[in-house]
Amino acid sequence: MAIDKARPGNRLFDICGVVEHHVVANGFSIVREYVGHGIGTKLHEEPQIPNYVDRKNENPRLKEGMVLAIEPMVNAGRPETKVLKDRWTAVSRDGSFSAHFEHCVAVTSNGPWVLTRP
């Protein structure tokens, strides 16, 4: 599970790689236009957290105290998306089913702490 990789000393790609492997191995595609992010004094902070490994991106080491929004968007068809006329709703461009969810996870010395878990 990707969340389990949110531990001090691991790298960002440890999380991204698990998401990518799981999604692709189950026959789905990963939307690349939208990524997760760090959370701090602002809602959207570095690092950006793609749901795939892209060697062009930075691969920082995770540190205790970081809070990460891990939020893959997965399509049943092709990975491309479009935004509807409301300028908010993102859907798959090919009309296939799509899902998006988010967990905010704190990196702690005791392991990942899922802040969005009820």
N, C-alpha and C. Protein backbone atom coordinates (compact mmCIF):
# COMPACT_ATOMS: atom_id res chain seq x y z
N MET A 1 0.84 -1.18 0.00
CA MET A 1 0.00 0.00 0.00
C MET A 1 0.89 1.25 0.00
N ALA A 2 0.52 2.22 -0.80
CA ALA A 2 1.32 3.44 -0.95
C ALA A 2 1.45 4.21 0.35
N ILE A 3 0.38 4.29 1.12
CA ILE A 3 0.41 5.05 2.37
C ILE A 3 1.46 4.49 3.31
N ASP A 4 1.65 3.19 3.31
CA ASP A 4 2.64 2.57 4.21
C ASP A 4 4.06 3.04 3.89
N LYS A 5 4.28 3.56 2.70
CA LYS A 5 5.62 4.05 2.32
C LYS A 5 5.90 5.45 2.84
N ALA A 6 4.91 6.10 3.45
CA ALA A 6 5.09 7.46 3.97
C ALA A 6 5.79 7.39 5.33
N ARG A 7 7.07 7.09 5.28
CA ARG A 7 7.89 6.91 6.49
C ARG A 7 9.18 7.71 6.35
N PRO A 8 9.69 8.23 7.47
CA PRO A 8 10.95 8.97 7.42
C PRO A 8 12.05 8.12 6.77
N GLY A 9 12.80 8.74 5.87
CA GLY A 9 13.90 8.05 5.21
C GLY A 9 13.53 7.49 3.85
N ASN A 10 12.25 7.17 3.63
CA ASN A 10 11.83 6.73 2.31
C ASN A 10 11.86 7.93 1.36
N ARG A 11 11.68 7.64 0.10
CA ARG A 11 11.66 8.70 -0.90
C ARG A 11 10.26 8.83 -1.50
N LEU A 12 10.01 9.97 -2.09
CA LEU A 12 8.72 10.25 -2.70
C LEU A 12 8.34 9.17 -3.71
N PHE A 13 9.31 8.73 -4.53
CA PHE A 13 9.00 7.73 -5.55
C PHE A 13 8.59 6.38 -4.95
N ASP A 14 8.91 6.15 -3.68
CA ASP A 14 8.43 4.91 -3.04
C ASP A 14 6.90 4.91 -3.01
N ILE A 15 6.32 6.07 -2.71
CA ILE A 15 4.85 6.20 -2.71
C ILE A 15 4.33 6.14 -4.14
N CYS A 16 4.90 6.98 -5.01
CA CYS A 16 4.43 7.09 -6.40
C CYS A 16 4.50 5.75 -7.13
N GLY A 17 5.56 5.01 -6.90
CA GLY A 17 5.75 3.74 -7.58
C GLY A 17 4.73 2.70 -7.18
N VAL A 18 4.34 2.67 -5.92
CA VAL A 18 3.33 1.71 -5.46
C VAL A 18 1.98 2.04 -6.10
N VAL A 19 1.63 3.33 -6.13
CA VAL A 19 0.37 3.73 -6.76
C VAL A 19 0.38 3.31 -8.23
N GLU A 20 1.43 3.67 -8.94
CA GLU A 20 1.52 3.35 -10.37
C GLU A 20 1.42 1.84 -10.61
N HIS A 21 2.18 1.07 -9.88
CA HIS A 21 2.18 -0.38 -10.07
C HIS A 21 0.79 -0.97 -9.82
N HIS A 22 0.15 -0.57 -8.75
CA HIS A 22 -1.17 -1.11 -8.40
C HIS A 22 -2.21 -0.76 -9.47
N VAL A 23 -2.22 0.49 -9.89
CA VAL A 23 -3.21 0.94 -10.88
C VAL A 23 -3.02 0.21 -12.21
N VAL A 24 -1.81 0.21 -12.72
CA VAL A 24 -1.53 -0.39 -14.03
C VAL A 24 -1.72 -1.91 -13.98
N ALA A 25 -1.29 -2.54 -12.90
CA ALA A 25 -1.44 -4.00 -12.78
C ALA A 25 -2.90 -4.44 -12.77
N ASN A 26 -3.79 -3.51 -12.41
CA ASN A 26 -5.22 -3.84 -12.38
C ASN A 26 -5.96 -3.35 -13.61
N GLY A 27 -5.21 -2.93 -14.64
CA GLY A 27 -5.80 -2.61 -15.93
C GLY A 27 -6.36 -1.20 -16.06
N PHE A 28 -6.00 -0.29 -15.17
CA PHE A 28 -6.49 1.08 -15.22
C PHE A 28 -5.37 2.02 -15.65
N SER A 29 -5.71 3.28 -15.87
CA SER A 29 -4.72 4.28 -16.23
C SER A 29 -4.68 5.39 -15.18
N ILE A 30 -3.52 6.03 -15.07
CA ILE A 30 -3.29 7.07 -14.09
C ILE A 30 -3.39 8.42 -14.78
N VAL A 31 -4.24 9.28 -14.25
CA VAL A 31 -4.34 10.64 -14.75
C VAL A 31 -3.09 11.39 -14.33
N ARG A 32 -2.43 12.04 -15.27
CA ARG A 32 -1.16 12.72 -14.98
C ARG A 32 -1.33 14.23 -14.80
N GLU A 33 -2.47 14.78 -15.18
CA GLU A 33 -2.67 16.22 -15.03
C GLU A 33 -2.83 16.66 -13.58
N TYR A 34 -3.27 15.75 -12.73
CA TYR A 34 -3.54 16.09 -11.34
C TYR A 34 -2.63 15.26 -10.45
N VAL A 35 -2.07 15.90 -9.45
CA VAL A 35 -1.13 15.21 -8.55
C VAL A 35 -1.47 15.57 -7.10
N GLY A 36 -0.92 14.78 -6.19
CA GLY A 36 -1.01 15.13 -4.78
C GLY A 36 0.00 16.22 -4.46
N HIS A 37 0.11 16.54 -3.17
CA HIS A 37 0.94 17.67 -2.78
C HIS A 37 1.22 17.64 -1.28
N GLY A 38 2.20 18.42 -0.90
CA GLY A 38 2.45 18.63 0.50
C GLY A 38 1.41 19.58 1.09
N ILE A 39 1.21 19.49 2.40
CA ILE A 39 0.28 20.38 3.11
C ILE A 39 1.03 20.97 4.29
N GLY A 40 0.92 22.26 4.46
CA GLY A 40 1.58 22.93 5.58
C GLY A 40 0.80 24.17 5.96
N THR A 41 1.45 25.32 5.93
CA THR A 41 0.74 26.56 6.22
C THR A 41 -0.16 26.96 5.07
N LYS A 42 0.05 26.37 3.90
CA LYS A 42 -0.82 26.54 2.74
C LYS A 42 -1.37 25.18 2.36
N LEU A 43 -2.51 25.18 1.71
CA LEU A 43 -3.15 23.92 1.32
C LEU A 43 -2.31 23.14 0.32
N HIS A 44 -1.75 23.83 -0.69
CA HIS A 44 -0.95 23.16 -1.72
C HIS A 44 0.49 23.62 -1.61
N GLU A 45 1.36 22.73 -1.18
CA GLU A 45 2.79 23.03 -1.03
C GLU A 45 3.60 21.93 -1.70
N GLU A 46 4.90 22.17 -1.79
CA GLU A 46 5.81 21.14 -2.27
C GLU A 46 5.93 20.07 -1.19
N PRO A 47 6.22 18.87 -1.55
CA PRO A 47 6.49 18.42 -2.91
C PRO A 47 5.21 18.07 -3.64
N GLN A 48 5.24 18.17 -4.95
CA GLN A 48 4.16 17.61 -5.74
C GLN A 48 4.30 16.09 -5.68
N ILE A 49 3.18 15.40 -5.65
CA ILE A 49 3.20 13.94 -5.53
C ILE A 49 2.47 13.34 -6.72
N PRO A 50 3.20 13.06 -7.80
CA PRO A 50 2.54 12.39 -8.93
C PRO A 50 2.20 10.96 -8.53
N ASN A 51 1.28 10.39 -9.24
CA ASN A 51 0.86 9.02 -8.93
C ASN A 51 1.55 8.02 -9.84
N TYR A 52 2.73 8.40 -10.28
CA TYR A 52 3.56 7.61 -11.17
C TYR A 52 5.00 8.07 -10.95
N VAL A 53 5.95 7.28 -11.36
CA VAL A 53 7.35 7.66 -11.24
C VAL A 53 7.77 8.35 -12.52
N ASP A 54 8.22 9.58 -12.39
CA ASP A 54 8.72 10.37 -13.51
C ASP A 54 10.09 10.87 -13.10
N ARG A 55 11.13 10.31 -13.69
CA ARG A 55 12.50 10.62 -13.32
C ARG A 55 12.86 12.10 -13.54
N LYS A 56 12.02 12.84 -14.28
CA LYS A 56 12.26 14.27 -14.45
C LYS A 56 11.88 15.05 -13.19
N ASN A 57 11.05 14.46 -12.35
CA ASN A 57 10.62 15.12 -11.11
C ASN A 57 11.65 14.88 -10.02
N GLU A 58 11.61 15.73 -9.01
CA GLU A 58 12.47 15.53 -7.85
C GLU A 58 11.97 14.34 -7.05
N ASN A 59 12.87 13.72 -6.32
CA ASN A 59 12.56 12.54 -5.53
C ASN A 59 13.07 12.76 -4.10
N PRO A 60 12.46 13.72 -3.38
CA PRO A 60 13.00 14.05 -2.06
C PRO A 60 12.82 12.91 -1.06
N ARG A 61 13.70 12.90 -0.08
CA ARG A 61 13.59 11.98 1.04
C ARG A 61 12.50 12.50 1.97
N LEU A 62 11.66 11.59 2.46
CA LEU A 62 10.58 11.97 3.36
C LEU A 62 11.13 12.20 4.76
N LYS A 63 10.61 13.24 5.42
CA LYS A 63 11.08 13.60 6.75
C LYS A 63 9.92 13.59 7.73
N GLU A 64 10.23 13.25 8.97
CA GLU A 64 9.22 13.28 10.02
C GLU A 64 8.62 14.68 10.09
N GLY A 65 7.30 14.73 10.21
CA GLY A 65 6.59 16.00 10.29
C GLY A 65 5.97 16.45 8.98
N MET A 66 6.39 15.85 7.88
CA MET A 66 5.77 16.20 6.59
C MET A 66 4.33 15.70 6.59
N VAL A 67 3.46 16.46 5.92
CA VAL A 67 2.08 16.02 5.71
C VAL A 67 1.85 16.01 4.20
N LEU A 68 1.39 14.88 3.70
CA LEU A 68 1.24 14.67 2.26
C LEU A 68 -0.20 14.37 1.91
N ALA A 69 -0.70 15.00 0.85
CA ALA A 69 -2.01 14.66 0.30
C ALA A 69 -1.75 13.69 -0.85
N ILE A 70 -2.07 12.44 -0.61
CA ILE A 70 -1.90 11.39 -1.63
C ILE A 70 -3.26 11.24 -2.29
N GLU A 71 -3.36 11.61 -3.57
CA GLU A 71 -4.68 11.68 -4.19
C GLU A 71 -4.68 11.26 -5.66
N PRO A 72 -4.61 9.97 -5.90
CA PRO A 72 -4.64 9.52 -7.29
C PRO A 72 -6.02 9.70 -7.94
N MET A 73 -5.99 9.99 -9.22
CA MET A 73 -7.18 9.94 -10.06
C MET A 73 -6.91 8.83 -11.07
N VAL A 74 -7.84 7.90 -11.17
CA VAL A 74 -7.66 6.69 -11.96
C VAL A 74 -8.81 6.57 -12.95
N ASN A 75 -8.49 6.25 -14.19
CA ASN A 75 -9.51 6.07 -15.22
C ASN A 75 -9.57 4.61 -15.66
N ALA A 76 -10.78 4.18 -16.01
CA ALA A 76 -10.94 2.82 -16.54
C ALA A 76 -10.47 2.75 -17.98
N GLY A 77 -10.47 3.87 -18.67
CA GLY A 77 -10.01 3.92 -20.06
C GLY A 77 -8.69 4.63 -20.16
N ARG A 78 -8.61 5.55 -21.10
CA ARG A 78 -7.38 6.32 -21.31
C ARG A 78 -7.18 7.34 -20.20
N PRO A 79 -5.95 7.81 -20.00
CA PRO A 79 -5.68 8.69 -18.87
C PRO A 79 -6.06 10.17 -19.07
N GLU A 80 -6.38 10.58 -20.29
CA GLU A 80 -6.66 11.99 -20.54
C GLU A 80 -7.98 12.42 -19.90
N THR A 81 -8.02 13.70 -19.49
CA THR A 81 -9.22 14.25 -18.85
C THR A 81 -9.66 15.53 -19.54
N LYS A 82 -10.82 15.98 -19.19
CA LYS A 82 -11.31 17.30 -19.59
C LYS A 82 -12.09 17.87 -18.41
N VAL A 83 -12.17 19.17 -18.36
CA VAL A 83 -12.91 19.86 -17.31
C VAL A 83 -14.22 20.34 -17.91
N LEU A 84 -15.32 20.09 -17.18
CA LEU A 84 -16.64 20.47 -17.68
C LEU A 84 -16.85 21.98 -17.63
N LYS A 85 -17.97 22.44 -18.19
CA LYS A 85 -18.26 23.87 -18.28
C LYS A 85 -18.31 24.57 -16.92
N ASP A 86 -18.53 23.81 -15.85
CA ASP A 86 -18.55 24.43 -14.51
C ASP A 86 -17.15 24.83 -14.06
N ARG A 87 -16.13 24.49 -14.87
CA ARG A 87 -14.71 24.79 -14.63
C ARG A 87 -14.19 24.18 -13.34
N TRP A 88 -14.82 23.10 -12.90
CA TRP A 88 -14.42 22.44 -11.66
C TRP A 88 -14.38 20.92 -11.81
N THR A 89 -15.39 20.37 -12.46
CA THR A 89 -15.54 18.92 -12.55
C THR A 89 -14.63 18.35 -13.63
N ALA A 90 -13.73 17.45 -13.22
CA ALA A 90 -12.84 16.78 -14.16
C ALA A 90 -13.39 15.38 -14.45
N VAL A 91 -13.43 15.03 -15.72
CA VAL A 91 -13.92 13.73 -16.15
C VAL A 91 -12.94 13.13 -17.15
N SER A 92 -13.07 11.85 -17.40
CA SER A 92 -12.21 11.22 -18.41
C SER A 92 -12.63 11.73 -19.78
N ARG A 93 -11.66 12.02 -20.62
CA ARG A 93 -11.95 12.55 -21.96
C ARG A 93 -12.70 11.53 -22.81
N ASP A 94 -12.39 10.23 -22.62
CA ASP A 94 -13.03 9.20 -23.45
C ASP A 94 -14.37 8.72 -22.88
N GLY A 95 -14.82 9.30 -21.78
CA GLY A 95 -16.12 8.93 -21.20
C GLY A 95 -16.09 7.69 -20.33
N SER A 96 -14.91 7.13 -20.10
CA SER A 96 -14.81 5.94 -19.25
C SER A 96 -15.00 6.33 -17.78
N PHE A 97 -15.27 5.34 -16.97
CA PHE A 97 -15.41 5.59 -15.54
C PHE A 97 -14.11 6.10 -14.97
N SER A 98 -14.24 6.92 -13.94
CA SER A 98 -13.07 7.52 -13.32
C SER A 98 -13.31 7.62 -11.82
N ALA A 99 -12.24 7.58 -11.05
CA ALA A 99 -12.35 7.72 -9.60
C ALA A 99 -11.19 8.57 -9.08
N HIS A 100 -11.48 9.35 -8.07
CA HIS A 100 -10.46 10.20 -7.46
C HIS A 100 -10.73 10.20 -5.96
N PHE A 101 -9.68 10.03 -5.19
CA PHE A 101 -9.83 10.10 -3.74
C PHE A 101 -8.56 10.68 -3.15
N GLU A 102 -8.65 11.06 -1.90
CA GLU A 102 -7.51 11.70 -1.25
C GLU A 102 -7.42 11.27 0.21
N HIS A 103 -6.19 11.02 0.63
CA HIS A 103 -5.89 10.85 2.05
C HIS A 103 -4.76 11.79 2.40
N CYS A 104 -4.88 12.46 3.52
CA CYS A 104 -3.79 13.28 4.05
C CYS A 104 -3.05 12.42 5.07
N VAL A 105 -1.74 12.33 4.90
CA VAL A 105 -0.94 11.42 5.70
C VAL A 105 0.23 12.18 6.32
N ALA A 106 0.38 12.05 7.63
CA ALA A 106 1.53 12.64 8.32
C ALA A 106 2.64 11.60 8.38
N VAL A 107 3.85 12.03 8.10
CA VAL A 107 5.02 11.16 8.19
C VAL A 107 5.52 11.26 9.63
N THR A 108 5.46 10.14 10.38
CA THR A 108 5.88 10.14 11.77
C THR A 108 6.89 9.03 12.02
N SER A 109 7.59 9.12 13.14
CA SER A 109 8.56 8.08 13.49
C SER A 109 7.86 6.77 13.84
N ASN A 110 6.56 6.82 14.12
CA ASN A 110 5.79 5.61 14.41
C ASN A 110 5.09 5.06 13.18
N GLY A 111 5.42 5.60 12.02
CA GLY A 111 4.77 5.16 10.78
C GLY A 111 3.77 6.19 10.31
N PRO A 112 3.13 5.93 9.18
CA PRO A 112 2.19 6.89 8.62
C PRO A 112 0.97 7.07 9.53
N TRP A 113 0.52 8.32 9.64
CA TRP A 113 -0.68 8.64 10.40
C TRP A 113 -1.67 9.23 9.41
N VAL A 114 -2.73 8.47 9.10
CA VAL A 114 -3.73 8.91 8.13
C VAL A 114 -4.67 9.88 8.83
N LEU A 115 -4.54 11.14 8.49
CA LEU A 115 -5.32 12.19 9.16
C LEU A 115 -6.77 12.24 8.68
N THR A 116 -7.04 11.69 7.52
CA THR A 116 -8.38 11.72 6.96
C THR A 116 -9.18 10.44 7.23
N ARG A 117 -8.63 9.56 8.01
CA ARG A 117 -9.34 8.31 8.34
C ARG A 117 -10.33 8.62 9.46
N PRO A 118 -11.58 8.16 9.31
CA PRO A 118 -12.59 8.45 10.36
C PRO A 118 -12.24 7.81 11.69
